[in-house]
Amino acid sequence: MKEYQVDYNILTVVNNVNAKTPEAVYQFFKEIKADFIQFIPIVEQDQEGNIISRSVEPKEYGKFLIRVFNQWLKDLGDIFIQIFEESLSAWVGYGANLCVFSRECGNAAVIEHNGDLYSCDHFVEPEYKLGNIKEKDILAMMNSKQQQDFGRTKKEKLNQKCLKCNYLFFCNGGCPKNRIVDTGDGYKLNYLCEGYKLFFDYIDPYMQKLSQLLKQQKSPKIMKEEILKLYQEIWDVGRNDPCPCGSGKKYKKCCIY
C-alpha cells in the first residue's frame, strides 16, 4: 500500500500482553513508517460474565496510552493516533467524531454475510437486528425508531459517576459494550473508566496548550516546539513526585519517563 501511495490505518488491539510494552509497540510502527494508528482495547467476558484473561486491565490501558502519548509528542504532526486526535478535537470544543466517545451512537451498523443488518458491530445479537437488506431498505432501517432508540440509550443511561465527571464532555461514558461494572446506581459504569480517567488527567495540560496554540493559528512546527517545552517543564517539576497513575513509583521512573 505504501508503494502505491494508498492511505491506510493500522488497527492495533491492546491486550493484557502488549499493554505492558507500549514503547516497543510504538517504535515498531515508527520503524515501518506507519502514519495512522488506532488502538482498540480488548474487553471480553465469558458466558458467566467474568472478564477473559486476555482483556486489558483498565489502569494498564490508561498507562499504555500515557506512555505512547509521551513518545508521540516527539512526532507531533508526523504520526496521527486516533484517540489523541479525538482528544484534541474535544478539548478544542469540536466534540469527538469517534462513536465510542460521541454523546449518541448508532452510526456504526454492520451487515452480516446473509444481509442481516444490526445496530452496531459490537451488538450482533437478535435483539439488535434491524432487518435484512433483501427485505428492507437500508436507509429506512437506519432511520427506524429502533435504531434511534438504540443511539439515544447511550446518553440516557449514564452512570452517576459519569454525570459528575470532568471529562464527560469527551468520554460520554465510553462504548456501551463496555458498560459492565455495577455500581448500584441503576446504570452500569464503563469497565475502562479508571484507565480513561488516568489518561485524561495526564493529557489535560497538553490538550489545553495545544488548544490554545490552535486557536492562535500557530504552525505545526511551533506547536511541536511548545508542547515539547511543556513536557520538559512538567518533567523537571514533577520528576520526583509520585506518578499519578498510582503505581507508587516516581514520575521519572514511570509514565512521564
C-alpha atoms as a PDB file:
ATOM      1  CA  MET A   1       0.000   0.000   0.000  1.00  0.00           C
ATOM      2  CA  LYS A   2       2.883   2.353   0.699  1.00  0.00           C
ATOM      3  CA  GLU A   3       4.420   1.506  -2.660  1.00  0.00           C
ATOM      4  CA  TYR A   4       1.219   2.606  -4.419  1.00  0.00           C
ATOM      5  CA  GLN A   5       0.616   5.547  -2.046  1.00  0.00           C
ATOM      6  CA  VAL A   6      -2.590   4.134  -0.587  1.00  0.00           C
ATOM      7  CA  ASP A   7      -3.524   5.676   2.760  1.00  0.00           C
ATOM      8  CA  TYR A   8      -4.384   3.170   5.468  1.00  0.00           C
ATOM      9  CA  ASN A   9      -4.971   2.932   9.221  1.00  0.00           C
ATOM     10  CA  ILE A  10      -3.359   0.311  11.426  1.00  0.00           C
ATOM     11  CA  LEU A  11      -5.868  -1.123  13.869  1.00  0.00           C
ATOM     12  CA  THR A  12      -3.936  -2.221  16.954  1.00  0.00           C
ATOM     13  CA  VAL A  13      -5.574  -4.433  19.554  1.00  0.00           C
ATOM     14  CA  VAL A  14      -4.343  -3.704  23.083  1.00  0.00           C
ATOM     15  CA  ASN A  15      -4.455  -6.777  25.301  1.00  0.00           C
ATOM     16  CA  ASN A  16      -3.016  -7.924  28.616  1.00  0.00           C
ATOM     17  CA  VAL A  17       0.357  -8.662  26.977  1.00  0.00           C
ATOM     18  CA  ASN A  18       1.252  -5.766  24.680  1.00  0.00           C
ATOM     19  CA  ALA A  19      -0.197  -3.240  27.156  1.00  0.00           C
ATOM     20  CA  LYS A  20       2.971  -3.820  29.173  1.00  0.00           C
ATOM     21  CA  THR A  21       5.284  -2.742  26.321  1.00  0.00           C
ATOM     22  CA  PRO A  22       3.842   0.496  24.887  1.00  0.00           C
ATOM     23  CA  GLU A  23       7.202   1.923  23.795  1.00  0.00           C
ATOM     24  CA  ALA A  24       8.036  -1.223  21.839  1.00  0.00           C
ATOM     25  CA  VAL A  25       4.617  -1.159  20.146  1.00  0.00           C
ATOM     26  CA  TYR A  26       5.033   2.484  19.158  1.00  0.00           C
ATOM     27  CA  GLN A  27       8.630   2.081  17.968  1.00  0.00           C
ATOM     28  CA  PHE A  28       7.599  -0.847  15.781  1.00  0.00           C
ATOM     29  CA  PHE A  29       5.075   1.346  13.977  1.00  0.00           C
ATOM     30  CA  LYS A  30       7.683   4.074  13.581  1.00  0.00           C
ATOM     31  CA  GLU A  31      10.081   1.575  12.047  1.00  0.00           C
ATOM     32  CA  ILE A  32       7.552   0.504   9.418  1.00  0.00           C
ATOM     33  CA  LYS A  33       6.709   4.197   8.848  1.00  0.00           C
ATOM     34  CA  ALA A  34       3.052   3.945   9.856  1.00  0.00           C
ATOM     35  CA  ASP A  35       1.242   7.288   9.658  1.00  0.00           C
ATOM     36  CA  PHE A  36      -2.227   6.495  11.035  1.00  0.00           C
ATOM     37  CA  ILE A  37      -2.727   4.277  14.086  1.00  0.00           C
ATOM     38  CA  GLN A  38      -5.763   3.251  16.127  1.00  0.00           C
ATOM     39  CA  PHE A  39      -5.729   1.472  19.483  1.00  0.00           C
ATOM     40  CA  ILE A  40      -8.614  -0.841  20.345  1.00  0.00           C
ATOM     41  CA  PRO A  41      -8.671  -2.289  23.890  1.00  0.00           C
ATOM     42  CA  ILE A  42      -9.793  -5.888  24.301  1.00  0.00           C
ATOM     43  CA  VAL A  43     -12.630  -6.205  26.822  1.00  0.00           C
ATOM     44  CA  GLU A  44     -14.239  -9.624  26.688  1.00  0.00           C
ATOM     45  CA  GLN A  45     -16.456 -11.649  29.017  1.00  0.00           C
ATOM     46  CA  ASP A  46     -17.197 -15.337  29.251  1.00  0.00           C
ATOM     47  CA  GLN A  47     -20.731 -16.735  29.458  1.00  0.00           C
ATOM     48  CA  GLU A  48     -20.792 -16.171  33.228  1.00  0.00           C
ATOM     49  CA  GLY A  49     -19.868 -12.514  32.832  1.00  0.00           C
ATOM     50  CA  ASN A  50     -16.272 -12.879  34.016  1.00  0.00           C
ATOM     51  CA  ILE A  51     -13.569 -10.840  32.282  1.00  0.00           C
ATOM     52  CA  ILE A  52     -11.474 -13.061  29.997  1.00  0.00           C
ATOM     53  CA  SER A  53      -7.786 -13.103  30.897  1.00  0.00           C
ATOM     54  CA  ARG A  54      -6.520 -11.631  27.617  1.00  0.00           C
ATOM     55  CA  SER A  55      -8.542  -8.461  28.242  1.00  0.00           C
ATOM     56  CA  VAL A  56      -6.532  -5.374  29.126  1.00  0.00           C
ATOM     57  CA  GLU A  57      -6.902  -4.114  32.703  1.00  0.00           C
ATOM     58  CA  PRO A  58      -8.355  -0.584  32.948  1.00  0.00           C
ATOM     59  CA  LYS A  59      -5.375   1.041  34.681  1.00  0.00           C
ATOM     60  CA  GLU A  60      -2.926  -0.756  32.392  1.00  0.00           C
ATOM     61  CA  TYR A  61      -4.753   0.627  29.371  1.00  0.00           C
ATOM     62  CA  GLY A  62      -4.529   4.145  30.779  1.00  0.00           C
ATOM     63  CA  LYS A  63      -0.805   3.759  31.444  1.00  0.00           C
ATOM     64  CA  PHE A  64      -0.322   2.303  27.961  1.00  0.00           C
ATOM     65  CA  LEU A  65      -1.923   5.380  26.379  1.00  0.00           C
ATOM     66  CA  ILE A  66       0.122   7.742  28.572  1.00  0.00           C
ATOM     67  CA  ARG A  67       3.423   6.142  27.666  1.00  0.00           C
ATOM     68  CA  VAL A  68       2.585   6.060  23.965  1.00  0.00           C
ATOM     69  CA  PHE A  69       1.483   9.695  24.241  1.00  0.00           C
ATOM     70  CA  ASN A  70       4.886  10.649  25.666  1.00  0.00           C
ATOM     71  CA  GLN A  71       6.586   9.025  22.685  1.00  0.00           C
ATOM     72  CA  TRP A  72       4.160  10.565  20.217  1.00  0.00           C
ATOM     73  CA  LEU A  73       4.819  14.130  21.409  1.00  0.00           C
ATOM     74  CA  LYS A  74       8.172  13.955  19.612  1.00  0.00           C
ATOM     75  CA  ASP A  75       6.353  13.032  16.385  1.00  0.00           C
ATOM     76  CA  LEU A  76       3.537  15.559  16.665  1.00  0.00           C
ATOM     77  CA  GLY A  77       2.314  16.402  13.174  1.00  0.00           C
ATOM     78  CA  ASP A  78       4.011  13.399  11.569  1.00  0.00           C
ATOM     79  CA  ILE A  79       2.168  10.442  13.101  1.00  0.00           C
ATOM     80  CA  PHE A  80      -1.570  10.505  13.756  1.00  0.00           C
ATOM     81  CA  ILE A  81      -3.060   8.404  16.563  1.00  0.00           C
ATOM     82  CA  GLN A  82      -6.823   8.349  16.620  1.00  0.00           C
ATOM     83  CA  ILE A  83      -7.513   8.734  20.348  1.00  0.00           C
ATOM     84  CA  PHE A  84      -5.046  11.634  20.612  1.00  0.00           C
ATOM     85  CA  GLU A  85      -6.624  13.381  17.626  1.00  0.00           C
ATOM     86  CA  GLU A  86     -10.082  12.803  19.085  1.00  0.00           C
ATOM     87  CA  SER A  87      -8.942  14.174  22.428  1.00  0.00           C
ATOM     88  CA  LEU A  88      -7.690  17.384  20.865  1.00  0.00           C
ATOM     89  CA  SER A  89     -10.921  17.809  18.909  1.00  0.00           C
ATOM     90  CA  ALA A  90     -12.908  17.558  22.170  1.00  0.00           C
ATOM     91  CA  TRP A  91     -10.621  19.896  24.122  1.00  0.00           C
ATOM     92  CA  VAL A  92     -10.827  22.496  21.345  1.00  0.00           C
ATOM     93  CA  GLY A  93     -14.616  22.299  21.555  1.00  0.00           C
ATOM     94  CA  TYR A  94     -15.500  20.422  18.386  1.00  0.00           C
ATOM     95  CA  GLY A  95     -16.504  17.245  20.187  1.00  0.00           C
ATOM     96  CA  ALA A  96     -15.463  13.708  19.363  1.00  0.00           C
ATOM     97  CA  ASN A  97     -16.038  12.094  15.971  1.00  0.00           C
ATOM     98  CA  LEU A  98     -15.359   8.549  17.121  1.00  0.00           C
ATOM     99  CA  CYS A  99     -18.545   6.676  18.034  1.00  0.00           C
ATOM    100  CA  VAL A 100     -17.266   5.362  21.381  1.00  0.00           C
ATOM    101  CA  PHE A 101     -16.853   8.957  22.627  1.00  0.00           C
ATOM    102  CA  SER A 102     -19.885  10.563  20.981  1.00  0.00           C
ATOM    103  CA  ARG A 103     -22.983  11.565  23.012  1.00  0.00           C
ATOM    104  CA  GLU A 104     -25.148   9.199  20.986  1.00  0.00           C
ATOM    105  CA  CYS A 105     -24.271   6.187  18.873  1.00  0.00           C
ATOM    106  CA  GLY A 106     -25.983   4.225  16.141  1.00  0.00           C
ATOM    107  CA  ASN A 107     -23.961   5.209  13.076  1.00  0.00           C
ATOM    108  CA  ALA A 108     -21.785   2.104  13.008  1.00  0.00           C
ATOM    109  CA  ALA A 109     -24.230  -0.574  11.897  1.00  0.00           C
ATOM    110  CA  VAL A 110     -22.956  -3.853  10.483  1.00  0.00           C
ATOM    111  CA  ILE A 111     -24.221  -6.182   7.737  1.00  0.00           C
ATOM    112  CA  GLU A 112     -23.610  -9.893   8.028  1.00  0.00           C
ATOM    113  CA  HIS A 113     -22.864 -12.121   5.028  1.00  0.00           C
ATOM    114  CA  ASN A 114     -26.546 -13.095   4.704  1.00  0.00           C
ATOM    115  CA  GLY A 115     -27.767  -9.483   4.554  1.00  0.00           C
ATOM    116  CA  ASP A 116     -28.833  -9.116   8.200  1.00  0.00           C
ATOM    117  CA  LEU A 117     -28.321  -5.573   9.485  1.00  0.00           C
ATOM    118  CA  TYR A 118     -27.523  -4.962  13.169  1.00  0.00           C
ATOM    119  CA  SER A 119     -27.453  -1.722  15.168  1.00  0.00           C
ATOM    120  CA  CYS A 120     -23.708  -1.919  15.852  1.00  0.00           C
ATOM    121  CA  ASP A 121     -20.786  -4.252  15.198  1.00  0.00           C
ATOM    122  CA  HIS A 122     -20.492  -4.707  18.969  1.00  0.00           C
ATOM    123  CA  PHE A 123     -24.117  -5.818  19.270  1.00  0.00           C
ATOM    124  CA  VAL A 124     -24.622  -8.545  16.679  1.00  0.00           C
ATOM    125  CA  GLU A 125     -27.396 -10.179  18.696  1.00  0.00           C
ATOM    126  CA  PRO A 126     -31.067 -10.964  17.911  1.00  0.00           C
ATOM    127  CA  GLU A 127     -32.500  -8.032  19.896  1.00  0.00           C
ATOM    128  CA  TYR A 128     -30.380  -5.575  17.896  1.00  0.00           C
ATOM    129  CA  LYS A 129     -31.263  -6.919  14.454  1.00  0.00           C
ATOM    130  CA  LEU A 130     -32.853  -4.208  12.300  1.00  0.00           C
ATOM    131  CA  GLY A 131     -33.822  -6.442   9.398  1.00  0.00           C
ATOM    132  CA  ASN A 132     -32.370  -7.833   6.195  1.00  0.00           C
ATOM    133  CA  ILE A 133     -31.326  -5.814   3.130  1.00  0.00           C
ATOM    134  CA  LYS A 134     -33.173  -8.284   0.883  1.00  0.00           C
ATOM    135  CA  GLU A 135     -36.428  -7.344   2.586  1.00  0.00           C
ATOM    136  CA  LYS A 136     -35.963  -3.764   3.826  1.00  0.00           C
ATOM    137  CA  ASP A 137     -34.288  -0.593   2.618  1.00  0.00           C
ATOM    138  CA  ILE A 138     -31.022   0.200   4.475  1.00  0.00           C
ATOM    139  CA  LEU A 139     -31.868   3.876   4.850  1.00  0.00           C
ATOM    140  CA  ALA A 140     -35.268   3.023   6.318  1.00  0.00           C
ATOM    141  CA  MET A 141     -33.711   0.636   8.820  1.00  0.00           C
ATOM    142  CA  MET A 142     -31.033   3.163   9.853  1.00  0.00           C
ATOM    143  CA  ASN A 143     -33.714   5.827  10.378  1.00  0.00           C
ATOM    144  CA  SER A 144     -36.080   3.467  12.196  1.00  0.00           C
ATOM    145  CA  LYS A 145     -37.300   4.122  15.736  1.00  0.00           C
ATOM    146  CA  GLN A 146     -35.451   1.005  16.881  1.00  0.00           C
ATOM    147  CA  GLN A 147     -32.125   2.396  15.702  1.00  0.00           C
ATOM    148  CA  GLN A 148     -32.810   5.906  17.004  1.00  0.00           C
ATOM    149  CA  ASP A 149     -33.728   4.485  20.418  1.00  0.00           C
ATOM    150  CA  PHE A 150     -30.531   2.424  20.390  1.00  0.00           C
ATOM    151  CA  GLY A 151     -28.457   5.553  19.747  1.00  0.00           C
ATOM    152  CA  ARG A 152     -30.152   7.671  22.426  1.00  0.00           C
ATOM    153  CA  THR A 153     -29.811   4.980  25.079  1.00  0.00           C
ATOM    154  CA  LYS A 154     -26.121   5.798  25.364  1.00  0.00           C
ATOM    155  CA  LYS A 155     -26.710   9.277  26.813  1.00  0.00           C
ATOM    156  CA  GLU A 156     -29.919   8.393  28.644  1.00  0.00           C
ATOM    157  CA  LYS A 157     -28.324   5.602  30.693  1.00  0.00           C
ATOM    158  CA  LEU A 158     -25.214   7.296  32.033  1.00  0.00           C
ATOM    159  CA  ASN A 159     -23.862   6.207  35.387  1.00  0.00           C
ATOM    160  CA  GLN A 160     -23.913   8.848  38.155  1.00  0.00           C
ATOM    161  CA  LYS A 161     -20.122   8.788  38.236  1.00  0.00           C
ATOM    162  CA  CYS A 162     -20.124   9.755  34.548  1.00  0.00           C
ATOM    163  CA  LEU A 163     -22.567  12.607  35.086  1.00  0.00           C
ATOM    164  CA  LYS A 164     -20.260  14.129  37.700  1.00  0.00           C
ATOM    165  CA  CYS A 165     -17.036  13.526  35.769  1.00  0.00           C
ATOM    166  CA  ASN A 166     -14.921  16.413  34.446  1.00  0.00           C
ATOM    167  CA  TYR A 167     -14.370  14.511  31.212  1.00  0.00           C
ATOM    168  CA  LEU A 168     -17.975  13.810  30.311  1.00  0.00           C
ATOM    169  CA  PHE A 169     -17.591  16.411  27.538  1.00  0.00           C
ATOM    170  CA  PHE A 170     -15.277  13.969  25.780  1.00  0.00           C
ATOM    171  CA  CYS A 171     -15.824  10.427  27.019  1.00  0.00           C
ATOM    172  CA  ASN A 172     -19.645  10.421  27.294  1.00  0.00           C
ATOM    173  CA  GLY A 173     -19.457   7.154  29.181  1.00  0.00           C
ATOM    174  CA  GLY A 174     -17.477   5.332  26.519  1.00  0.00           C
ATOM    175  CA  CYS A 175     -18.770   2.465  24.414  1.00  0.00           C
ATOM    176  CA  PRO A 176     -21.989   0.896  25.792  1.00  0.00           C
ATOM    177  CA  LYS A 177     -20.486  -2.523  25.090  1.00  0.00           C
ATOM    178  CA  ASN A 178     -18.020  -1.954  27.920  1.00  0.00           C
ATOM    179  CA  ARG A 179     -20.537  -0.657  30.460  1.00  0.00           C
ATOM    180  CA  ILE A 180     -20.420  -3.751  32.607  1.00  0.00           C
ATOM    181  CA  VAL A 181     -19.413  -2.539  36.085  1.00  0.00           C
ATOM    182  CA  ASP A 182     -22.334  -2.467  38.517  1.00  0.00           C
ATOM    183  CA  THR A 183     -22.034   0.468  40.940  1.00  0.00           C
ATOM    184  CA  GLY A 184     -25.555   0.137  42.334  1.00  0.00           C
ATOM    185  CA  ASP A 185     -26.973   3.359  40.862  1.00  0.00           C
ATOM    186  CA  GLY A 186     -29.119   1.649  38.228  1.00  0.00           C
ATOM    187  CA  TYR A 187     -26.806   2.109  35.253  1.00  0.00           C
ATOM    188  CA  LYS A 188     -23.506   0.333  34.757  1.00  0.00           C
ATOM    189  CA  LEU A 189     -20.112   2.021  34.531  1.00  0.00           C
ATOM    190  CA  ASN A 190     -17.636   1.516  31.707  1.00  0.00           C
ATOM    191  CA  TYR A 191     -15.057  -1.152  32.527  1.00  0.00           C
ATOM    192  CA  LEU A 192     -12.272   1.110  31.194  1.00  0.00           C
ATOM    193  CA  CYS A 193     -13.317   4.157  33.230  1.00  0.00           C
ATOM    194  CA  GLU A 194     -10.349   4.086  35.614  1.00  0.00           C
ATOM    195  CA  GLY A 195      -7.898   3.884  32.712  1.00  0.00           C
ATOM    196  CA  TYR A 196      -9.601   6.625  30.712  1.00  0.00           C
ATOM    197  CA  LYS A 197      -9.661   8.924  33.754  1.00  0.00           C
ATOM    198  CA  LEU A 198      -5.954   8.329  34.334  1.00  0.00           C
ATOM    199  CA  PHE A 199      -5.186   9.160  30.708  1.00  0.00           C
ATOM    200  CA  PHE A 200      -7.426  12.244  30.566  1.00  0.00           C
ATOM    201  CA  ASP A 201      -5.927  13.636  33.782  1.00  0.00           C
ATOM    202  CA  TYR A 202      -2.466  13.226  32.313  1.00  0.00           C
ATOM    203  CA  ILE A 203      -3.091  14.783  28.893  1.00  0.00           C
ATOM    204  CA  ASP A 204      -5.210  17.681  30.158  1.00  0.00           C
ATOM    205  CA  PRO A 205      -2.369  20.268  30.367  1.00  0.00           C
ATOM    206  CA  TYR A 206      -1.079  19.240  26.957  1.00  0.00           C
ATOM    207  CA  MET A 207      -4.513  19.423  25.360  1.00  0.00           C
ATOM    208  CA  GLN A 208      -5.168  22.821  26.898  1.00  0.00           C
ATOM    209  CA  LYS A 209      -1.854  24.066  25.490  1.00  0.00           C
ATOM    210  CA  LEU A 210      -2.498  22.577  22.042  1.00  0.00           C
ATOM    211  CA  SER A 211      -5.995  24.062  22.014  1.00  0.00           C
ATOM    212  CA  GLN A 212      -4.552  27.493  22.774  1.00  0.00           C
ATOM    213  CA  LEU A 213      -1.935  27.157  20.024  1.00  0.00           C
ATOM    214  CA  LEU A 214      -4.538  26.018  17.504  1.00  0.00           C
ATOM    215  CA  LYS A 215      -6.766  28.981  18.256  1.00  0.00           C
ATOM    216  CA  GLN A 216      -3.738  31.223  17.777  1.00  0.00           C
ATOM    217  CA  GLN A 217      -3.193  29.513  14.406  1.00  0.00           C
ATOM    218  CA  LYS A 218       0.371  28.575  15.217  1.00  0.00           C
ATOM    219  CA  SER A 219       2.287  26.457  12.725  1.00  0.00           C
ATOM    220  CA  PRO A 220       2.799  22.719  13.354  1.00  0.00           C
ATOM    221  CA  LYS A 221       6.500  23.410  13.924  1.00  0.00           C
ATOM    222  CA  ILE A 222       5.802  25.942  16.690  1.00  0.00           C
ATOM    223  CA  MET A 223       3.146  23.694  18.216  1.00  0.00           C
ATOM    224  CA  LYS A 224       5.619  20.841  18.435  1.00  0.00           C
ATOM    225  CA  GLU A 225       8.291  23.065  19.978  1.00  0.00           C
ATOM    226  CA  GLU A 226       5.874  24.456  22.554  1.00  0.00           C
ATOM    227  CA  ILE A 227       4.449  21.108  23.533  1.00  0.00           C
ATOM    228  CA  LEU A 228       7.898  19.562  23.994  1.00  0.00           C
ATOM    229  CA  LYS A 229       8.857  22.554  26.108  1.00  0.00           C
ATOM    230  CA  LEU A 230       5.777  21.931  28.273  1.00  0.00           C
ATOM    231  CA  TYR A 231       6.691  18.250  28.567  1.00  0.00           C
ATOM    232  CA  GLN A 232      10.152  19.179  29.822  1.00  0.00           C
ATOM    233  CA  GLU A 233       8.717  21.680  32.311  1.00  0.00           C
ATOM    234  CA  ILE A 234       6.316  19.090  33.706  1.00  0.00           C
ATOM    235  CA  TRP A 235       9.101  16.518  33.859  1.00  0.00           C
ATOM    236  CA  ASP A 236      11.514  18.899  35.627  1.00  0.00           C
ATOM    237  CA  VAL A 237       8.945  19.980  38.203  1.00  0.00           C
ATOM    238  CA  GLY A 238       7.312  16.633  38.897  1.00  0.00           C
ATOM    239  CA  ARG A 239      10.018  14.060  38.265  1.00  0.00           C
ATOM    240  CA  ASN A 240      10.441  13.255  41.962  1.00  0.00           C
ATOM    241  CA  ASP A 241       6.721  13.307  42.750  1.00  0.00           C
ATOM    242  CA  PRO A 242       4.627  10.125  42.923  1.00  0.00           C
ATOM    243  CA  CYS A 243       3.278   9.248  39.485  1.00  0.00           C
ATOM    244  CA  PRO A 244      -0.466   9.975  39.189  1.00  0.00           C
ATOM    245  CA  CYS A 245      -1.061   6.525  37.731  1.00  0.00           C
ATOM    246  CA  GLY A 246      -0.962   5.117  41.258  1.00  0.00           C
ATOM    247  CA  SER A 247       1.994   2.800  40.714  1.00  0.00           C
ATOM    248  CA  GLY A 248       3.818   4.201  43.737  1.00  0.00           C
ATOM    249  CA  LYS A 249       6.856   4.961  41.574  1.00  0.00           C
ATOM    250  CA  LYS A 250       8.353   8.375  40.946  1.00  0.00           C
ATOM    251  CA  TYR A 251       7.304  10.288  37.841  1.00  0.00           C
ATOM    252  CA  LYS A 252      10.764   9.905  36.305  1.00  0.00           C
ATOM    253  CA  LYS A 253      10.603   6.130  36.712  1.00  0.00           C
ATOM    254  CA  CYS A 254       7.073   5.676  35.453  1.00  0.00           C
ATOM    255  CA  CYS A 255       4.627   7.214  32.986  1.00  0.00           C
ATOM    256  CA  ILE A 256       6.341  10.501  32.250  1.00  0.00           C
ATOM    257  CA  TYR A 257       9.743   8.975  31.625  1.00  0.00           C
END
